[in-house]
């Protein structure tokens, strides 16, 4: 099914896999966060994290940069929720967070990791209008 209204629609998982420099499978996420796998599934359910299936392994994986010092990046959940409300899928959310934006400059994920959540959320909210 082709998405005509959202410019971040996925054009292929392979492209997404190449856009993100490092992926963690869910057991690795659990280990990094010192949580049980059940709790990691809870983070996915509550939209604190998003995951996609990596084609080579066909297992759900999370971008490694979503984690920082044994925790989920602080401002990630709210940004994921804003993008979800704008109609983005998990693949589209990851693509948006990892796509260079000359006006930032850089990638939204880097801005979030750098503490610039207000600017990134404002941009994400504008996508829903």
C-alpha atoms as a PDB file:
ATOM      1  CA  UNK A   1       0.000   0.000   0.000  1.00  0.00           C
ATOM      2  CA  UNK A   2       1.479   3.342  -1.075  1.00  0.00           C
ATOM      3  CA  UNK A   3       1.271   6.281   1.317  1.00  0.00           C
ATOM      4  CA  UNK A   4       0.498   9.515  -0.526  1.00  0.00           C
ATOM      5  CA  UNK A   5       0.181  11.978   2.345  1.00  0.00           C
ATOM      6  CA  UNK A   6       3.258  11.267   4.431  1.00  0.00           C
ATOM      7  CA  UNK A   7       6.663  12.138   2.921  1.00  0.00           C
ATOM      8  CA  UNK A   8       8.397   9.823   5.425  1.00  0.00           C
ATOM      9  CA  UNK A   9       6.656   6.696   4.112  1.00  0.00           C
ATOM     10  CA  UNK A  10       9.101   3.782   4.036  1.00  0.00           C
ATOM     11  CA  UNK A  11      10.460   2.878   0.612  1.00  0.00           C
ATOM     12  CA  UNK A  12      12.227  -0.225   1.819  1.00  0.00           C
ATOM     13  CA  UNK A  13      13.524  -1.688   5.032  1.00  0.00           C
ATOM     14  CA  UNK A  14      17.002  -2.154   3.538  1.00  0.00           C
ATOM     15  CA  UNK A  15      17.252   1.618   3.084  1.00  0.00           C
ATOM     16  CA  UNK A  16      16.191   2.098   6.698  1.00  0.00           C
ATOM     17  CA  UNK A  17      18.710  -0.469   7.887  1.00  0.00           C
ATOM     18  CA  UNK A  18      21.468   1.466   6.133  1.00  0.00           C
ATOM     19  CA  UNK A  19      20.260   4.815   7.505  1.00  0.00           C
ATOM     20  CA  UNK A  20      20.721   3.669  11.119  1.00  0.00           C
ATOM     21  CA  UNK A  21      24.383   2.950  11.947  1.00  0.00           C
ATOM     22  CA  UNK A  22      23.796   0.369  14.705  1.00  0.00           C
ATOM     23  CA  UNK A  23      20.864  -1.836  15.678  1.00  0.00           C
ATOM     24  CA  UNK A  24      20.181  -3.771  18.879  1.00  0.00           C
ATOM     25  CA  UNK A  25      17.891  -6.782  19.046  1.00  0.00           C
ATOM     26  CA  UNK A  26      15.444  -6.818  21.945  1.00  0.00           C
ATOM     27  CA  UNK A  27      17.541  -9.103  24.201  1.00  0.00           C
ATOM     28  CA  UNK A  28      20.480  -6.706  23.715  1.00  0.00           C
ATOM     29  CA  UNK A  29      18.209  -3.775  24.600  1.00  0.00           C
ATOM     30  CA  UNK A  30      17.127  -5.624  27.753  1.00  0.00           C
ATOM     31  CA  UNK A  31      20.758  -6.223  28.691  1.00  0.00           C
ATOM     32  CA  UNK A  32      21.754  -2.601  28.009  1.00  0.00           C
ATOM     33  CA  UNK A  33      18.891  -1.292  30.136  1.00  0.00           C
ATOM     34  CA  UNK A  34      19.309  -4.000  32.802  1.00  0.00           C
ATOM     35  CA  UNK A  35      15.656  -5.021  32.311  1.00  0.00           C
ATOM     36  CA  UNK A  36      13.815  -8.225  31.571  1.00  0.00           C
ATOM     37  CA  UNK A  37      12.697  -8.804  27.999  1.00  0.00           C
ATOM     38  CA  UNK A  38       9.104  -8.456  29.235  1.00  0.00           C
ATOM     39  CA  UNK A  39       9.865  -4.910  30.413  1.00  0.00           C
ATOM     40  CA  UNK A  40      11.389  -4.087  27.011  1.00  0.00           C
ATOM     41  CA  UNK A  41       8.167  -5.272  25.382  1.00  0.00           C
ATOM     42  CA  UNK A  42       6.366  -2.944  27.804  1.00  0.00           C
ATOM     43  CA  UNK A  43       8.532  -0.022  26.632  1.00  0.00           C
ATOM     44  CA  UNK A  44       7.521  -0.832  23.061  1.00  0.00           C
ATOM     45  CA  UNK A  45       3.846  -1.103  24.033  1.00  0.00           C
ATOM     46  CA  UNK A  46       3.891   2.264  25.835  1.00  0.00           C
ATOM     47  CA  UNK A  47       5.726   3.851  22.868  1.00  0.00           C
ATOM     48  CA  UNK A  48       8.870   4.733  24.831  1.00  0.00           C
ATOM     49  CA  UNK A  49      10.724   2.825  22.086  1.00  0.00           C
ATOM     50  CA  UNK A  50       9.945   1.709  18.548  1.00  0.00           C
ATOM     51  CA  UNK A  51      11.367  -1.292  16.731  1.00  0.00           C
ATOM     52  CA  UNK A  52      11.342  -2.688  13.201  1.00  0.00           C
ATOM     53  CA  UNK A  53      12.125  -6.093  11.756  1.00  0.00           C
ATOM     54  CA  UNK A  54      15.590  -6.255  10.275  1.00  0.00           C
ATOM     55  CA  UNK A  55      15.431  -8.236   7.037  1.00  0.00           C
ATOM     56  CA  UNK A  56      18.688 -10.143   7.357  1.00  0.00           C
ATOM     57  CA  UNK A  57      17.703 -11.525  10.747  1.00  0.00           C
ATOM     58  CA  UNK A  58      13.933 -10.888  10.613  1.00  0.00           C
ATOM     59  CA  UNK A  59      13.934  -9.947  14.284  1.00  0.00           C
ATOM     60  CA  UNK A  60      12.703  -6.759  15.876  1.00  0.00           C
ATOM     61  CA  UNK A  61      15.511  -4.329  16.469  1.00  0.00           C
ATOM     62  CA  UNK A  62      15.923  -0.860  17.957  1.00  0.00           C
ATOM     63  CA  UNK A  63      18.426   1.797  16.887  1.00  0.00           C
ATOM     64  CA  UNK A  64      21.291   1.729  19.409  1.00  0.00           C
ATOM     65  CA  UNK A  65      21.250   5.544  19.641  1.00  0.00           C
ATOM     66  CA  UNK A  66      17.815   5.334  21.290  1.00  0.00           C
ATOM     67  CA  UNK A  67      19.746   4.289  24.417  1.00  0.00           C
ATOM     68  CA  UNK A  68      22.187   6.398  26.385  1.00  0.00           C
ATOM     69  CA  UNK A  69      24.109   5.343  29.479  1.00  0.00           C
ATOM     70  CA  UNK A  70      21.836   2.428  30.312  1.00  0.00           C
ATOM     71  CA  UNK A  71      18.604   4.375  29.772  1.00  0.00           C
ATOM     72  CA  UNK A  72      16.232   5.245  26.968  1.00  0.00           C
ATOM     73  CA  UNK A  73      17.035   8.738  25.636  1.00  0.00           C
ATOM     74  CA  UNK A  74      14.984  10.956  27.930  1.00  0.00           C
ATOM     75  CA  UNK A  75      13.036  12.932  25.326  1.00  0.00           C
ATOM     76  CA  UNK A  76      12.439  10.046  22.930  1.00  0.00           C
ATOM     77  CA  UNK A  77       9.066   8.832  24.249  1.00  0.00           C
ATOM     78  CA  UNK A  78       7.309  12.185  23.883  1.00  0.00           C
ATOM     79  CA  UNK A  79       8.711  12.621  20.391  1.00  0.00           C
ATOM     80  CA  UNK A  80       7.581   9.121  19.392  1.00  0.00           C
ATOM     81  CA  UNK A  81       4.086   9.904  20.710  1.00  0.00           C
ATOM     82  CA  UNK A  82       3.910  13.178  18.745  1.00  0.00           C
ATOM     83  CA  UNK A  83       4.994  11.408  15.549  1.00  0.00           C
ATOM     84  CA  UNK A  84       2.558   8.548  16.193  1.00  0.00           C
ATOM     85  CA  UNK A  85      -0.245  11.092  16.598  1.00  0.00           C
ATOM     86  CA  UNK A  86       0.837  12.572  13.246  1.00  0.00           C
ATOM     87  CA  UNK A  87       0.202   9.168  11.658  1.00  0.00           C
ATOM     88  CA  UNK A  88       3.766   7.884  11.410  1.00  0.00           C
ATOM     89  CA  UNK A  89       4.511   4.146  11.534  1.00  0.00           C
ATOM     90  CA  UNK A  90       7.496   2.818  13.486  1.00  0.00           C
ATOM     91  CA  UNK A  91       9.554   2.693  10.273  1.00  0.00           C
ATOM     92  CA  UNK A  92       8.593   6.267   9.420  1.00  0.00           C
ATOM     93  CA  UNK A  93       9.467   7.468  12.932  1.00  0.00           C
ATOM     94  CA  UNK A  94      12.938   5.944  12.713  1.00  0.00           C
ATOM     95  CA  UNK A  95      13.441   7.300   9.203  1.00  0.00           C
ATOM     96  CA  UNK A  96      12.463  10.834  10.318  1.00  0.00           C
ATOM     97  CA  UNK A  97      14.712  10.710  13.377  1.00  0.00           C
ATOM     98  CA  UNK A  98      17.696   9.571  11.293  1.00  0.00           C
ATOM     99  CA  UNK A  99      17.271  11.768   8.211  1.00  0.00           C
ATOM    100  CA  UNK A 100      19.650  14.725   7.987  1.00  0.00           C
ATOM    101  CA  UNK A 101      17.923  18.105   8.200  1.00  0.00           C
ATOM    102  CA  UNK A 102      19.960  21.059   6.936  1.00  0.00           C
ATOM    103  CA  UNK A 103      17.897  23.487   8.999  1.00  0.00           C
ATOM    104  CA  UNK A 104      18.896  21.807  12.308  1.00  0.00           C
ATOM    105  CA  UNK A 105      21.687  21.044  11.126  1.00  0.00           C
ATOM    106  CA  UNK A 106      22.035  17.313  11.572  1.00  0.00           C
ATOM    107  CA  UNK A 107      19.612  14.545  12.428  1.00  0.00           C
ATOM    108  CA  UNK A 108      16.690  14.893  14.838  1.00  0.00           C
ATOM    109  CA  UNK A 109      18.029  11.974  16.922  1.00  0.00           C
ATOM    110  CA  UNK A 110      21.269  13.893  17.481  1.00  0.00           C
ATOM    111  CA  UNK A 111      19.315  16.972  18.555  1.00  0.00           C
ATOM    112  CA  UNK A 112      17.286  14.883  21.025  1.00  0.00           C
ATOM    113  CA  UNK A 113      20.441  13.320  22.441  1.00  0.00           C
ATOM    114  CA  UNK A 114      21.855  16.841  22.742  1.00  0.00           C
ATOM    115  CA  UNK A 115      18.903  18.047  24.831  1.00  0.00           C
ATOM    116  CA  UNK A 116      17.052  19.974  22.107  1.00  0.00           C
ATOM    117  CA  UNK A 117      13.683  18.262  22.578  1.00  0.00           C
ATOM    118  CA  UNK A 118      11.536  21.415  22.327  1.00  0.00           C
ATOM    119  CA  UNK A 119      12.779  22.206  18.841  1.00  0.00           C
ATOM    120  CA  UNK A 120      12.393  18.605  17.657  1.00  0.00           C
ATOM    121  CA  UNK A 121       8.899  18.220  19.128  1.00  0.00           C
ATOM    122  CA  UNK A 122       7.809  21.480  17.509  1.00  0.00           C
ATOM    123  CA  UNK A 123       9.014  20.158  14.145  1.00  0.00           C
ATOM    124  CA  UNK A 124       7.314  16.798  14.742  1.00  0.00           C
ATOM    125  CA  UNK A 125       4.023  18.508  15.660  1.00  0.00           C
ATOM    126  CA  UNK A 126       4.166  20.565  12.458  1.00  0.00           C
ATOM    127  CA  UNK A 127       4.224  17.319  10.462  1.00  0.00           C
ATOM    128  CA  UNK A 128       0.753  16.470  11.779  1.00  0.00           C
ATOM    129  CA  UNK A 129      -0.831  19.630  10.373  1.00  0.00           C
END
